């Protein structure tokens, strides 16, 4: 959970700041204090960081300005599926597994990967399928209830009401 000052938390309509937003806000406040001539130790206490962090921020600010202390977009490999493809996959999965030729209406990672390949033309690993389902689609793991095919609920009820008392009372 992100930290939020008590002054904002009570009765405010503002959403809580994320960790990266809080870190950037600290750095921006530090720059304001640099410009006012406040010492590194005082800035550290004011924004809740160590003096060494303030020294580092000051060096970065002196060479690159405030923009050098701003957050940057996340880097890394772009997702294999764009938003439009994710929505196509969502629509396909919502039709159910049987609509895609599977015997049981049950989704497995392998089955989802097969549908993604058919619909979007993209091959995903099991781990990537899991991230797609739980992260981008917001699905959760659901395990089917295990029940014996031969189960007869009326026979079980009869046994519990007639046989069990007879056994318990030794009749």
C-alpha atoms as a PDB file:
ATOM      1  CA  UNK A   1       0.000   0.000   0.000  1.00  0.00           C
ATOM      2  CA  UNK A   2       1.314   3.408  -0.899  1.00  0.00           C
ATOM      3  CA  UNK A   3       2.123   5.867   1.860  1.00  0.00           C
ATOM      4  CA  UNK A   4      -0.138   8.872   2.002  1.00  0.00           C
ATOM      5  CA  UNK A   5       0.216  11.831   4.346  1.00  0.00           C
ATOM      6  CA  UNK A   6      -2.560  11.994   6.953  1.00  0.00           C
ATOM      7  CA  UNK A   7      -3.534  15.472   5.764  1.00  0.00           C
ATOM      8  CA  UNK A   8      -4.498  14.014   2.381  1.00  0.00           C
ATOM      9  CA  UNK A   9      -5.999  10.778   3.659  1.00  0.00           C
ATOM     10  CA  UNK A  10      -8.710  12.273   5.860  1.00  0.00           C
ATOM     11  CA  UNK A  11     -11.686  13.504   3.855  1.00  0.00           C
ATOM     12  CA  UNK A  12      -9.827  14.016   0.596  1.00  0.00           C
ATOM     13  CA  UNK A  13     -11.042  12.927  -2.811  1.00  0.00           C
ATOM     14  CA  UNK A  14      -7.505  12.569  -4.138  1.00  0.00           C
ATOM     15  CA  UNK A  15      -6.349   9.025  -4.878  1.00  0.00           C
ATOM     16  CA  UNK A  16      -3.307   7.808  -2.913  1.00  0.00           C
ATOM     17  CA  UNK A  17       0.060   8.331  -4.580  1.00  0.00           C
ATOM     18  CA  UNK A  18       1.927   5.322  -5.930  1.00  0.00           C
ATOM     19  CA  UNK A  19       5.465   4.630  -4.722  1.00  0.00           C
ATOM     20  CA  UNK A  20       7.083   6.097  -7.860  1.00  0.00           C
ATOM     21  CA  UNK A  21       4.868   9.196  -7.593  1.00  0.00           C
ATOM     22  CA  UNK A  22       5.843   9.645  -3.939  1.00  0.00           C
ATOM     23  CA  UNK A  23       9.533   9.260  -4.743  1.00  0.00           C
ATOM     24  CA  UNK A  24       9.276  11.865  -7.492  1.00  0.00           C
ATOM     25  CA  UNK A  25       7.369  14.226  -5.187  1.00  0.00           C
ATOM     26  CA  UNK A  26      10.195  13.924  -2.631  1.00  0.00           C
ATOM     27  CA  UNK A  27      12.801  14.746  -5.270  1.00  0.00           C
ATOM     28  CA  UNK A  28      10.795  17.733  -6.549  1.00  0.00           C
ATOM     29  CA  UNK A  29      10.396  19.035  -2.980  1.00  0.00           C
ATOM     30  CA  UNK A  30      14.145  18.581  -2.493  1.00  0.00           C
ATOM     31  CA  UNK A  31      14.787  20.751  -5.582  1.00  0.00           C
ATOM     32  CA  UNK A  32      12.569  23.481  -4.126  1.00  0.00           C
ATOM     33  CA  UNK A  33      14.646  23.326  -0.953  1.00  0.00           C
ATOM     34  CA  UNK A  34      17.945  23.321  -2.954  1.00  0.00           C
ATOM     35  CA  UNK A  35      16.823  26.559  -4.571  1.00  0.00           C
ATOM     36  CA  UNK A  36      16.084  28.045  -1.126  1.00  0.00           C
ATOM     37  CA  UNK A  37      19.620  27.190   0.030  1.00  0.00           C
ATOM     38  CA  UNK A  38      18.579  24.606   2.617  1.00  0.00           C
ATOM     39  CA  UNK A  39      21.319  22.179   3.760  1.00  0.00           C
ATOM     40  CA  UNK A  40      21.369  18.538   2.657  1.00  0.00           C
ATOM     41  CA  UNK A  41      20.793  17.320   6.221  1.00  0.00           C
ATOM     42  CA  UNK A  42      17.708  19.525   6.641  1.00  0.00           C
ATOM     43  CA  UNK A  43      16.337  18.440   3.249  1.00  0.00           C
ATOM     44  CA  UNK A  44      16.865  14.797   4.164  1.00  0.00           C
ATOM     45  CA  UNK A  45      14.865  15.247   7.370  1.00  0.00           C
ATOM     46  CA  UNK A  46      12.165  17.247   5.577  1.00  0.00           C
ATOM     47  CA  UNK A  47      11.530  14.664   2.847  1.00  0.00           C
ATOM     48  CA  UNK A  48      12.357  11.550   4.874  1.00  0.00           C
ATOM     49  CA  UNK A  49      15.517  10.291   3.171  1.00  0.00           C
ATOM     50  CA  UNK A  50      19.176   9.963   4.041  1.00  0.00           C
ATOM     51  CA  UNK A  51      21.723  12.702   3.440  1.00  0.00           C
ATOM     52  CA  UNK A  52      23.538  10.598   0.831  1.00  0.00           C
ATOM     53  CA  UNK A  53      20.350  10.412  -1.271  1.00  0.00           C
ATOM     54  CA  UNK A  54      20.019  14.201  -1.064  1.00  0.00           C
ATOM     55  CA  UNK A  55      23.674  14.611  -2.138  1.00  0.00           C
ATOM     56  CA  UNK A  56      23.044  12.349  -5.118  1.00  0.00           C
ATOM     57  CA  UNK A  57      19.877  14.230  -6.083  1.00  0.00           C
ATOM     58  CA  UNK A  58      21.742  17.549  -5.801  1.00  0.00           C
ATOM     59  CA  UNK A  59      24.500  16.325  -8.166  1.00  0.00           C
ATOM     60  CA  UNK A  60      21.898  15.103 -10.675  1.00  0.00           C
ATOM     61  CA  UNK A  61      19.950  18.370 -10.395  1.00  0.00           C
ATOM     62  CA  UNK A  62      23.097  20.499 -10.838  1.00  0.00           C
ATOM     63  CA  UNK A  63      24.044  18.683 -14.039  1.00  0.00           C
ATOM     64  CA  UNK A  64      20.617  17.936 -15.573  1.00  0.00           C
ATOM     65  CA  UNK A  65      18.091  20.185 -13.873  1.00  0.00           C
ATOM     66  CA  UNK A  66      14.755  19.133 -12.403  1.00  0.00           C
ATOM     67  CA  UNK A  67      13.873  17.075 -15.498  1.00  0.00           C
ATOM     68  CA  UNK A  68      16.738  14.706 -14.656  1.00  0.00           C
ATOM     69  CA  UNK A  69      14.978  13.926 -11.349  1.00  0.00           C
ATOM     70  CA  UNK A  70      11.556  13.244 -12.927  1.00  0.00           C
ATOM     71  CA  UNK A  71      10.179   9.716 -13.318  1.00  0.00           C
ATOM     72  CA  UNK A  72      10.845   7.971 -16.592  1.00  0.00           C
ATOM     73  CA  UNK A  73       8.555   5.584 -18.418  1.00  0.00           C
ATOM     74  CA  UNK A  74       9.144   1.933 -17.622  1.00  0.00           C
ATOM     75  CA  UNK A  75      11.581   0.266 -19.952  1.00  0.00           C
ATOM     76  CA  UNK A  76      11.747  -3.302 -21.046  1.00  0.00           C
ATOM     77  CA  UNK A  77      10.349  -5.541 -23.666  1.00  0.00           C
ATOM     78  CA  UNK A  78       6.962  -4.426 -24.990  1.00  0.00           C
ATOM     79  CA  UNK A  79       4.081  -6.872 -24.496  1.00  0.00           C
ATOM     80  CA  UNK A  80       3.512  -9.387 -27.284  1.00  0.00           C
ATOM     81  CA  UNK A  81      -0.196  -8.534 -27.416  1.00  0.00           C
ATOM     82  CA  UNK A  82      -1.429  -4.991 -27.910  1.00  0.00           C
ATOM     83  CA  UNK A  83      -4.661  -3.806 -26.273  1.00  0.00           C
ATOM     84  CA  UNK A  84      -6.798  -4.621 -29.335  1.00  0.00           C
ATOM     85  CA  UNK A  85      -5.442  -8.179 -29.447  1.00  0.00           C
ATOM     86  CA  UNK A  86      -6.068  -8.605 -25.714  1.00  0.00           C
ATOM     87  CA  UNK A  87      -9.704  -7.614 -26.255  1.00  0.00           C
ATOM     88  CA  UNK A  88     -10.013 -10.087 -29.156  1.00  0.00           C
ATOM     89  CA  UNK A  89      -8.628 -12.819 -26.884  1.00  0.00           C
ATOM     90  CA  UNK A  90     -11.004 -11.792 -24.087  1.00  0.00           C
ATOM     91  CA  UNK A  91     -14.001 -12.061 -26.424  1.00  0.00           C
ATOM     92  CA  UNK A  92     -12.829 -15.461 -27.653  1.00  0.00           C
ATOM     93  CA  UNK A  93     -12.286 -16.813 -24.136  1.00  0.00           C
ATOM     94  CA  UNK A  94     -15.667 -15.566 -22.952  1.00  0.00           C
ATOM     95  CA  UNK A  95     -17.299 -17.810 -25.585  1.00  0.00           C
ATOM     96  CA  UNK A  96     -16.114 -20.776 -23.541  1.00  0.00           C
ATOM     97  CA  UNK A  97     -13.693 -23.595 -24.241  1.00  0.00           C
ATOM     98  CA  UNK A  98     -16.265 -25.786 -26.001  1.00  0.00           C
ATOM     99  CA  UNK A  99     -16.897 -23.049 -28.574  1.00  0.00           C
ATOM    100  CA  UNK A 100     -13.256 -23.513 -29.584  1.00  0.00           C
ATOM    101  CA  UNK A 101     -13.525 -27.269 -30.026  1.00  0.00           C
ATOM    102  CA  UNK A 102     -12.420 -28.454 -26.605  1.00  0.00           C
ATOM    103  CA  UNK A 103     -14.336 -31.347 -25.051  1.00  0.00           C
ATOM    104  CA  UNK A 104     -14.881 -29.820 -21.600  1.00  0.00           C
ATOM    105  CA  UNK A 105     -15.751 -26.201 -20.934  1.00  0.00           C
ATOM    106  CA  UNK A 106     -12.604 -25.734 -18.861  1.00  0.00           C
ATOM    107  CA  UNK A 107      -9.711 -23.368 -19.574  1.00  0.00           C
ATOM    108  CA  UNK A 108      -6.143 -24.512 -19.043  1.00  0.00           C
ATOM    109  CA  UNK A 109      -3.012 -22.515 -19.777  1.00  0.00           C
ATOM    110  CA  UNK A 110      -2.324 -24.705 -22.797  1.00  0.00           C
ATOM    111  CA  UNK A 111      -5.843 -24.224 -24.167  1.00  0.00           C
ATOM    112  CA  UNK A 112      -5.685 -20.459 -23.685  1.00  0.00           C
ATOM    113  CA  UNK A 113      -2.283 -20.389 -25.442  1.00  0.00           C
ATOM    114  CA  UNK A 114      -3.840 -22.262 -28.366  1.00  0.00           C
ATOM    115  CA  UNK A 115      -6.733 -19.781 -28.615  1.00  0.00           C
ATOM    116  CA  UNK A 116      -4.313 -16.830 -28.383  1.00  0.00           C
ATOM    117  CA  UNK A 117      -2.329 -18.349 -31.240  1.00  0.00           C
ATOM    118  CA  UNK A 118      -5.481 -18.825 -33.360  1.00  0.00           C
ATOM    119  CA  UNK A 119      -7.016 -15.416 -32.602  1.00  0.00           C
ATOM    120  CA  UNK A 120      -3.965 -13.155 -32.416  1.00  0.00           C
ATOM    121  CA  UNK A 121      -1.318 -15.187 -34.219  1.00  0.00           C
ATOM    122  CA  UNK A 122       1.026 -14.911 -31.225  1.00  0.00           C
ATOM    123  CA  UNK A 123       2.720 -17.789 -29.404  1.00  0.00           C
ATOM    124  CA  UNK A 124       2.867 -17.361 -25.626  1.00  0.00           C
ATOM    125  CA  UNK A 125       4.625 -19.418 -22.959  1.00  0.00           C
ATOM    126  CA  UNK A 126       2.664 -20.798 -20.012  1.00  0.00           C
ATOM    127  CA  UNK A 127       4.055 -17.984 -17.824  1.00  0.00           C
ATOM    128  CA  UNK A 128       2.991 -15.344 -20.350  1.00  0.00           C
ATOM    129  CA  UNK A 129      -0.495 -16.872 -20.585  1.00  0.00           C
ATOM    130  CA  UNK A 130      -0.741 -16.740 -16.780  1.00  0.00           C
ATOM    131  CA  UNK A 131       0.273 -13.044 -16.765  1.00  0.00           C
ATOM    132  CA  UNK A 132      -2.234 -12.334 -19.548  1.00  0.00           C
ATOM    133  CA  UNK A 133      -5.072 -14.018 -17.647  1.00  0.00           C
ATOM    134  CA  UNK A 134      -4.343 -12.686 -14.177  1.00  0.00           C
ATOM    135  CA  UNK A 135      -2.817  -9.333 -15.051  1.00  0.00           C
ATOM    136  CA  UNK A 136      -4.279  -7.915 -18.215  1.00  0.00           C
ATOM    137  CA  UNK A 137      -7.620  -9.748 -18.207  1.00  0.00           C
ATOM    138  CA  UNK A 138      -8.146  -9.786 -14.434  1.00  0.00           C
ATOM    139  CA  UNK A 139      -9.150 -13.458 -14.331  1.00  0.00           C
ATOM    140  CA  UNK A 140      -8.411 -15.668 -11.323  1.00  0.00           C
ATOM    141  CA  UNK A 141      -7.680 -19.330 -10.844  1.00  0.00           C
ATOM    142  CA  UNK A 142     -10.844 -21.393 -10.457  1.00  0.00           C
ATOM    143  CA  UNK A 143     -10.613 -25.079  -9.723  1.00  0.00           C
ATOM    144  CA  UNK A 144     -13.542 -27.295 -10.614  1.00  0.00           C
ATOM    145  CA  UNK A 145     -15.227 -29.051  -7.715  1.00  0.00           C
ATOM    146  CA  UNK A 146     -14.162 -32.672  -7.607  1.00  0.00           C
ATOM    147  CA  UNK A 147     -17.182 -34.985  -7.396  1.00  0.00           C
ATOM    148  CA  UNK A 148     -17.551 -38.649  -8.097  1.00  0.00           C
ATOM    149  CA  UNK A 149     -19.602 -39.316 -11.226  1.00  0.00           C
ATOM    150  CA  UNK A 150     -21.447 -42.088  -9.372  1.00  0.00           C
ATOM    151  CA  UNK A 151     -22.472 -39.781  -6.501  1.00  0.00           C
ATOM    152  CA  UNK A 152     -26.168 -40.060  -5.602  1.00  0.00           C
ATOM    153  CA  UNK A 153     -27.175 -37.271  -3.210  1.00  0.00           C
ATOM    154  CA  UNK A 154     -30.580 -38.815  -2.414  1.00  0.00           C
ATOM    155  CA  UNK A 155     -28.949 -42.127  -1.467  1.00  0.00           C
ATOM    156  CA  UNK A 156     -26.433 -40.291   0.722  1.00  0.00           C
ATOM    157  CA  UNK A 157     -29.262 -38.434   2.498  1.00  0.00           C
ATOM    158  CA  UNK A 158     -31.142 -41.714   3.039  1.00  0.00           C
ATOM    159  CA  UNK A 159     -28.012 -43.398   4.445  1.00  0.00           C
ATOM    160  CA  UNK A 160     -27.299 -40.486   6.823  1.00  0.00           C
ATOM    161  CA  UNK A 161     -30.872 -40.400   8.125  1.00  0.00           C
ATOM    162  CA  UNK A 162     -31.442 -44.187   8.426  1.00  0.00           C
ATOM    163  CA  UNK A 163     -28.218 -46.180   8.438  1.00  0.00           C
ATOM    164  CA  UNK A 164     -25.969 -43.820  10.386  1.00  0.00           C
ATOM    165  CA  UNK A 165     -28.229 -43.586  13.468  1.00  0.00           C
ATOM    166  CA  UNK A 166     -28.667 -47.373  13.405  1.00  0.00           C
ATOM    167  CA  UNK A 167     -24.883 -47.857  13.385  1.00  0.00           C
ATOM    168  CA  UNK A 168     -24.304 -45.207  16.065  1.00  0.00           C
ATOM    169  CA  UNK A 169     -26.884 -46.709  18.438  1.00  0.00           C
ATOM    170  CA  UNK A 170     -25.871 -50.288  17.739  1.00  0.00           C
ATOM    171  CA  UNK A 171     -29.285 -51.330  16.479  1.00  0.00           C
END
